Amino acid sequence: MNTLDKISKHLNSFSKSERKVAEVILAAPQTAIHSSIATLAKMADVSEPTVNRFCRRLDTKGFPDFKLHLAQSLANGTPYVNRHVEEQDGPDAYTSKIFESTMACLDTARQSVDTALINRAVDILTQANQISFFGLGASSAVAHDAQNKFFRFNVPVICFDDVVMMRMSAINSTDGNVVVLFSHTGRTKHLVDIARLARENDATVIGITAADSPLAKECHLVLSMDVPEDTDIYMPMASRIAQLVLVDVLSTGFTLRRGNKFRENLKRVKDSLKDSRLNKDGFKAVL
């Protein structure tokens, strides 16, 4: 149960002063996230110790920890859009809510990611003879973005969002191939099968997915992030953005690991695109 649901469920069990805090938060959760404890106490007309006591009633360590849990709740969506977007919201309101909930979700993901595992993933990718990126549904867009990023590097890269092509590619894998699979839930049956096939054919399998999921159990290395979004019910939004950021992290690590000579090659690739762009006036091609 997320923090907002927990507050609503236990509203009648709070003391009179704690209920004031709860009602202020339920009325304006976005404001609560960006408020100091003193500000929130003033809004609820209670003391700061009351706010701290309220936070501990919700199994958090104090006000800062409570705000983190509240941000995670806000990052959870509403069916097809976002949980805190209401039918009566205008463009100013829903634009602000989507940006703020996504930023809160990314901050949560950043704090949960294991940089030691990122370093290991970069090791594997830089030593690969071929890299394959696979994803289905919303994650297929992430897989294609990864292909676009890594295609500039001097290693063969492929990307499929078709199950049959994934299966054939996994069966044809060999030692030195790396297969990267994207799935927020890690419960997509086809991707679990693909991971197993790739392993059986000596590929190294990296999963960007939920820890301890069925897909994770079939991977050699798992990069998981705490992205509080239930994509069984909601449209994938923040989880997809978090995956895209992780792709940027891996491609940056790849670039840095390869050194100056490799970066010079990337610059040549970039320079080769010079003629495809126009300057601001639309007359002369520039980089």
Protein backbone atom coordinates (compact mmCIF):
# COMPACT_ATOMS: atom_id res chain seq x y z
CA MET A 1 0.00 0.00 0.00
CA ASN A 2 1.48 3.36 -0.95
CA THR A 3 1.73 6.26 1.47
CA LEU A 4 -1.31 8.18 0.25
CA ASP A 5 -3.50 5.09 0.41
CA LYS A 6 -2.17 4.34 3.89
CA ILE A 7 -3.02 7.86 5.10
CA SER A 8 -6.55 7.61 3.69
CA LYS A 9 -7.14 4.17 5.17
CA HIS A 10 -5.98 5.14 8.68
CA LEU A 11 -7.41 8.67 8.71
CA ASN A 12 -9.91 7.91 11.48
CA SER A 13 -7.28 6.28 13.69
CA PHE A 14 -5.07 9.38 13.90
CA SER A 15 -5.22 11.74 16.85
CA LYS A 16 -6.96 15.07 16.31
CA SER A 17 -3.68 16.91 15.61
CA GLU A 18 -2.28 14.10 13.43
CA ARG A 19 -5.47 14.11 11.40
CA LYS A 20 -4.92 17.80 10.65
CA VAL A 21 -1.54 16.89 9.16
CA ALA A 22 -3.09 14.04 7.18
CA GLU A 23 -5.82 16.25 5.73
CA VAL A 24 -3.32 18.90 4.63
CA ILE A 25 -1.21 16.26 2.87
CA LEU A 26 -4.17 14.59 1.19
CA ALA A 27 -5.43 17.96 -0.02
CA ALA A 28 -2.10 19.01 -1.54
CA PRO A 29 0.47 16.18 -1.68
CA GLN A 30 2.66 18.00 -4.21
CA THR A 31 2.90 20.98 -1.87
CA ALA A 32 3.78 18.71 1.04
CA ILE A 33 6.71 17.21 -0.88
CA HIS A 34 8.27 20.63 -1.39
CA SER A 35 7.52 21.97 2.11
CA SER A 36 9.76 22.09 5.15
CA ILE A 37 8.56 20.52 8.35
CA ALA A 38 7.97 24.01 9.75
CA THR A 39 5.86 25.01 6.76
CA LEU A 40 3.76 21.86 6.90
CA ALA A 41 3.25 22.25 10.65
CA LYS A 42 2.06 25.82 10.10
CA MET A 43 -0.31 24.74 7.30
CA ALA A 44 -1.85 22.12 9.60
CA ASP A 45 -1.80 24.41 12.65
CA VAL A 46 0.16 21.87 14.70
CA SER A 47 3.64 21.63 16.19
CA GLU A 48 6.68 20.22 14.40
CA PRO A 49 6.92 17.27 16.84
CA THR A 50 3.35 16.40 15.84
CA VAL A 51 4.40 16.22 12.19
CA ASN A 52 7.33 13.98 13.10
CA ARG A 53 5.05 11.75 15.19
CA PHE A 54 2.63 11.52 12.27
CA CYS A 55 5.47 10.47 9.94
CA ARG A 56 6.59 7.70 12.29
CA ARG A 57 3.02 6.44 12.54
CA LEU A 58 3.38 5.67 8.84
CA ASP A 59 6.50 3.52 9.39
CA THR A 60 8.94 6.13 8.12
CA LYS A 61 12.06 7.33 9.92
CA GLY A 62 11.01 10.98 10.04
CA PHE A 63 9.92 13.84 7.84
CA PRO A 64 12.63 13.53 5.10
CA ASP A 65 11.97 9.79 4.76
CA PHE A 66 8.22 10.43 4.73
CA LYS A 67 8.60 12.91 1.85
CA LEU A 68 10.54 10.29 -0.13
CA HIS A 69 7.74 7.76 0.37
CA LEU A 70 5.18 10.40 -0.55
CA ALA A 71 7.09 11.15 -3.76
CA GLN A 72 7.01 7.46 -4.61
CA SER A 73 3.24 7.49 -4.15
CA LEU A 74 2.91 10.47 -6.46
CA ALA A 75 5.02 8.73 -9.07
CA ASN A 76 2.44 5.93 -9.23
CA GLY A 77 0.04 6.58 -12.06
CA THR A 78 -3.70 6.56 -12.48
CA PRO A 79 -5.19 4.20 -15.09
CA TYR A 80 -3.87 5.13 -18.56
CA VAL A 81 -2.46 8.48 -17.44
CA ASN A 82 -1.26 9.36 -13.94
CA ARG A 83 -2.75 8.70 -10.55
CA HIS A 84 -2.91 12.35 -9.52
CA VAL A 85 -4.28 13.70 -12.77
CA GLU A 86 -7.96 14.41 -12.22
CA GLU A 87 -10.65 14.68 -14.89
CA GLN A 88 -11.14 18.36 -14.15
CA ASP A 89 -7.43 19.24 -14.44
CA GLY A 90 -6.51 21.78 -17.08
CA PRO A 91 -3.25 21.85 -19.08
CA ASP A 92 -1.36 23.79 -16.39
CA ALA A 93 -2.33 21.30 -13.70
CA TYR A 94 -1.73 18.03 -15.54
CA THR A 95 1.51 19.28 -17.11
CA SER A 96 2.87 20.22 -13.70
CA LYS A 97 1.74 16.95 -12.12
CA ILE A 98 3.32 14.76 -14.79
CA PHE A 99 6.65 16.61 -14.66
CA GLU A 100 6.78 16.63 -10.87
CA SER A 101 5.83 12.99 -10.43
CA THR A 102 8.36 11.93 -13.08
CA MET A 103 11.14 13.94 -11.45
CA ALA A 104 10.28 12.44 -8.07
CA CYS A 105 10.34 8.96 -9.59
CA LEU A 106 13.70 9.54 -11.27
CA ASP A 107 15.18 10.70 -7.98
CA THR A 108 13.94 7.53 -6.30
CA ALA A 109 15.39 5.43 -9.12
CA ARG A 110 18.73 7.23 -8.88
CA GLN A 111 19.02 6.45 -5.19
CA SER A 112 18.17 2.78 -5.70
CA VAL A 113 20.50 1.94 -8.59
CA ASP A 114 23.63 -0.07 -7.79
CA THR A 115 26.62 1.68 -9.39
CA ALA A 116 28.85 -1.36 -8.83
CA LEU A 117 26.51 -3.36 -11.07
CA ILE A 118 26.48 -0.53 -13.61
CA ASN A 119 30.28 -0.70 -13.67
CA ARG A 120 30.10 -4.47 -14.22
CA ALA A 121 27.56 -4.00 -17.04
CA VAL A 122 29.86 -1.48 -18.73
CA ASP A 123 32.70 -4.03 -18.46
CA ILE A 124 30.57 -6.63 -20.22
CA LEU A 125 29.33 -4.26 -22.93
CA THR A 126 32.79 -2.93 -23.79
CA GLN A 127 34.08 -6.50 -24.24
CA ALA A 128 31.15 -7.67 -26.38
CA ASN A 129 31.53 -8.93 -29.95
CA GLN A 130 27.90 -8.06 -30.60
CA ILE A 131 25.17 -6.36 -28.51
CA SER A 132 21.47 -7.13 -28.91
CA PHE A 133 18.73 -4.99 -27.38
CA PHE A 134 15.29 -6.58 -26.93
CA GLY A 135 12.06 -5.09 -25.61
CA LEU A 136 8.32 -5.46 -26.07
CA GLY A 137 5.52 -2.92 -25.70
CA ALA A 138 6.65 0.34 -24.08
CA SER A 139 10.09 -1.17 -23.49
CA SER A 140 10.60 -1.65 -27.24
CA ALA A 141 11.03 2.13 -27.55
CA VAL A 142 13.81 1.94 -24.96
CA ALA A 143 15.48 -0.92 -26.85
CA HIS A 144 15.43 1.13 -30.07
CA ASP A 145 16.87 4.13 -28.23
CA ALA A 146 19.67 1.91 -26.92
CA GLN A 147 20.39 0.75 -30.47
CA ASN A 148 20.55 4.37 -31.60
CA LYS A 149 23.03 5.23 -28.83
CA PHE A 150 25.29 2.18 -29.24
CA PHE A 151 25.12 2.09 -33.03
CA ARG A 152 27.73 4.89 -33.11
CA PHE A 153 30.21 2.64 -31.32
CA ASN A 154 32.59 0.28 -33.11
CA VAL A 155 30.70 -2.88 -32.14
CA PRO A 156 27.87 -4.61 -34.06
CA VAL A 157 24.48 -3.72 -32.57
CA ILE A 158 21.04 -5.12 -33.33
CA CYS A 159 17.57 -4.45 -31.93
CA PHE A 160 14.35 -6.43 -32.22
CA ASP A 161 10.83 -5.90 -30.88
CA ASP A 162 9.47 -8.95 -32.68
CA VAL A 163 9.39 -12.21 -30.68
CA VAL A 164 10.21 -14.48 -33.64
CA MET A 165 13.26 -12.39 -34.57
CA MET A 166 14.34 -12.34 -30.93
CA ARG A 167 14.12 -16.13 -30.72
CA MET A 168 16.14 -16.67 -33.89
CA SER A 169 18.74 -14.16 -32.72
CA ALA A 170 18.98 -15.80 -29.28
CA ILE A 171 19.38 -19.27 -30.84
CA ASN A 172 22.18 -17.94 -33.07
CA SER A 173 23.99 -16.34 -30.13
CA THR A 174 27.55 -17.37 -29.32
CA ASP A 175 30.13 -16.73 -26.66
CA GLY A 176 31.01 -13.03 -26.75
CA ASN A 177 27.48 -11.90 -27.62
CA VAL A 178 25.62 -9.77 -25.10
CA VAL A 179 21.83 -9.67 -24.97
CA VAL A 180 20.17 -6.80 -23.07
CA LEU A 181 16.48 -7.21 -22.25
CA PHE A 182 14.18 -4.41 -21.05
CA SER A 183 11.11 -5.15 -18.96
CA HIS A 184 9.76 -3.11 -16.05
CA THR A 185 7.88 -6.04 -14.48
CA GLY A 186 10.20 -8.85 -15.54
CA ARG A 187 7.14 -11.07 -15.98
CA THR A 188 6.73 -10.98 -19.76
CA LYS A 189 6.77 -14.68 -20.70
CA HIS A 190 8.31 -14.21 -24.14
CA LEU A 191 11.27 -12.25 -22.74
CA VAL A 192 11.86 -14.84 -20.02
CA ASP A 193 12.03 -17.52 -22.75
CA ILE A 194 14.36 -15.37 -24.86
CA ALA A 195 16.72 -14.87 -21.92
CA ARG A 196 16.81 -18.62 -21.30
CA LEU A 197 17.52 -19.34 -24.98
CA ALA A 198 20.33 -16.77 -25.09
CA ARG A 199 21.94 -18.26 -21.97
CA GLU A 200 21.72 -21.77 -23.41
CA ASN A 201 23.61 -20.51 -26.47
CA ASP A 202 26.43 -18.95 -24.43
CA ALA A 203 25.41 -15.28 -24.68
CA THR A 204 25.81 -13.04 -21.65
CA VAL A 205 22.36 -11.82 -20.64
CA ILE A 206 21.77 -8.46 -18.94
CA GLY A 207 18.30 -7.66 -17.65
CA ILE A 208 17.13 -4.11 -17.02
CA THR A 209 14.19 -5.25 -15.00
CA ALA A 210 12.71 -5.83 -11.55
CA ALA A 211 14.92 -7.62 -9.04
CA ASP A 212 13.87 -11.20 -8.19
CA SER A 213 11.49 -11.30 -11.15
CA PRO A 214 11.24 -14.37 -13.43
CA LEU A 215 13.29 -12.51 -16.05
CA ALA A 216 15.93 -11.53 -13.50
CA LYS A 217 16.43 -15.19 -12.58
CA GLU A 218 17.37 -15.97 -16.19
CA CYS A 219 19.96 -13.16 -16.47
CA HIS A 220 23.66 -13.16 -15.65
CA LEU A 221 23.43 -9.54 -14.48
CA VAL A 222 20.41 -7.49 -13.41
CA LEU A 223 20.18 -3.71 -13.26
CA SER A 224 17.08 -2.92 -11.23
CA MET A 225 15.65 0.41 -10.14
CA ASP A 226 13.02 1.27 -7.58
CA VAL A 227 10.43 2.79 -9.91
CA PRO A 228 7.10 2.98 -8.05
CA GLU A 229 4.78 2.40 -10.99
CA ASP A 230 2.30 -0.45 -11.38
CA THR A 231 2.29 -1.07 -15.12
CA ASP A 232 -0.22 -3.92 -14.72
CA ILE A 233 -2.79 -1.16 -14.21
CA TYR A 234 -1.18 2.06 -15.41
CA MET A 235 0.30 3.23 -18.68
CA PRO A 236 4.14 2.96 -18.46
CA MET A 237 5.39 6.49 -17.99
CA ALA A 238 8.03 7.09 -15.33
CA SER A 239 9.37 3.53 -15.62
CA ARG A 240 10.07 4.06 -19.33
CA ILE A 241 11.85 7.36 -18.62
CA ALA A 242 13.99 5.68 -15.94
CA GLN A 243 15.00 2.96 -18.41
CA LEU A 244 15.97 5.59 -20.99
CA VAL A 245 18.13 7.38 -18.44
CA LEU A 246 19.84 4.09 -17.56
CA VAL A 247 20.61 3.58 -21.26
CA ASP A 248 22.29 7.02 -21.25
CA VAL A 249 24.28 6.00 -18.16
CA LEU A 250 25.50 2.80 -19.82
CA SER A 251 26.38 4.47 -23.13
CA THR A 252 28.29 7.20 -21.27
CA GLY A 253 30.17 4.59 -19.27
CA PHE A 254 30.97 2.75 -22.49
CA THR A 255 32.36 5.94 -24.05
CA LEU A 256 34.49 6.84 -21.05
CA ARG A 257 35.84 3.30 -20.69
CA ARG A 258 37.05 3.22 -24.30
CA GLY A 259 39.27 6.29 -23.81
CA ASN A 260 40.33 9.32 -25.87
CA LYS A 261 40.97 7.50 -29.15
CA PHE A 262 37.46 6.09 -29.10
CA ARG A 263 35.97 9.51 -28.36
CA GLU A 264 37.88 10.93 -31.32
CA ASN A 265 36.20 8.31 -33.49
CA LEU A 266 32.82 9.37 -32.14
CA LYS A 267 33.64 12.94 -33.08
CA ARG A 268 34.38 11.82 -36.64
CA VAL A 269 31.02 10.08 -36.78
CA LYS A 270 29.38 13.29 -35.57
CA ASP A 271 31.31 15.39 -38.09
CA SER A 272 30.14 13.09 -40.89
CA LEU A 273 26.59 14.24 -40.18
CA LYS A 274 27.47 17.90 -40.64
CA ASP A 275 25.89 18.17 -44.07
CA SER A 276 22.58 16.81 -42.80
CA ARG A 277 21.87 19.89 -40.68
CA LEU A 278 21.04 23.50 -41.38
CA ASN A 279 21.99 26.51 -39.28
CA LYS A 280 19.34 28.62 -37.55
CA ASP A 281 18.75 30.64 -40.71
CA GLY A 282 18.20 27.47 -42.70
CA PHE A 283 20.90 28.24 -45.29
CA LYS A 284 24.20 26.67 -44.36
CA ALA A 285 24.84 23.16 -43.06
CA VAL A 286 26.52 23.10 -39.66
CA LEU A 287 27.28 20.55 -36.96
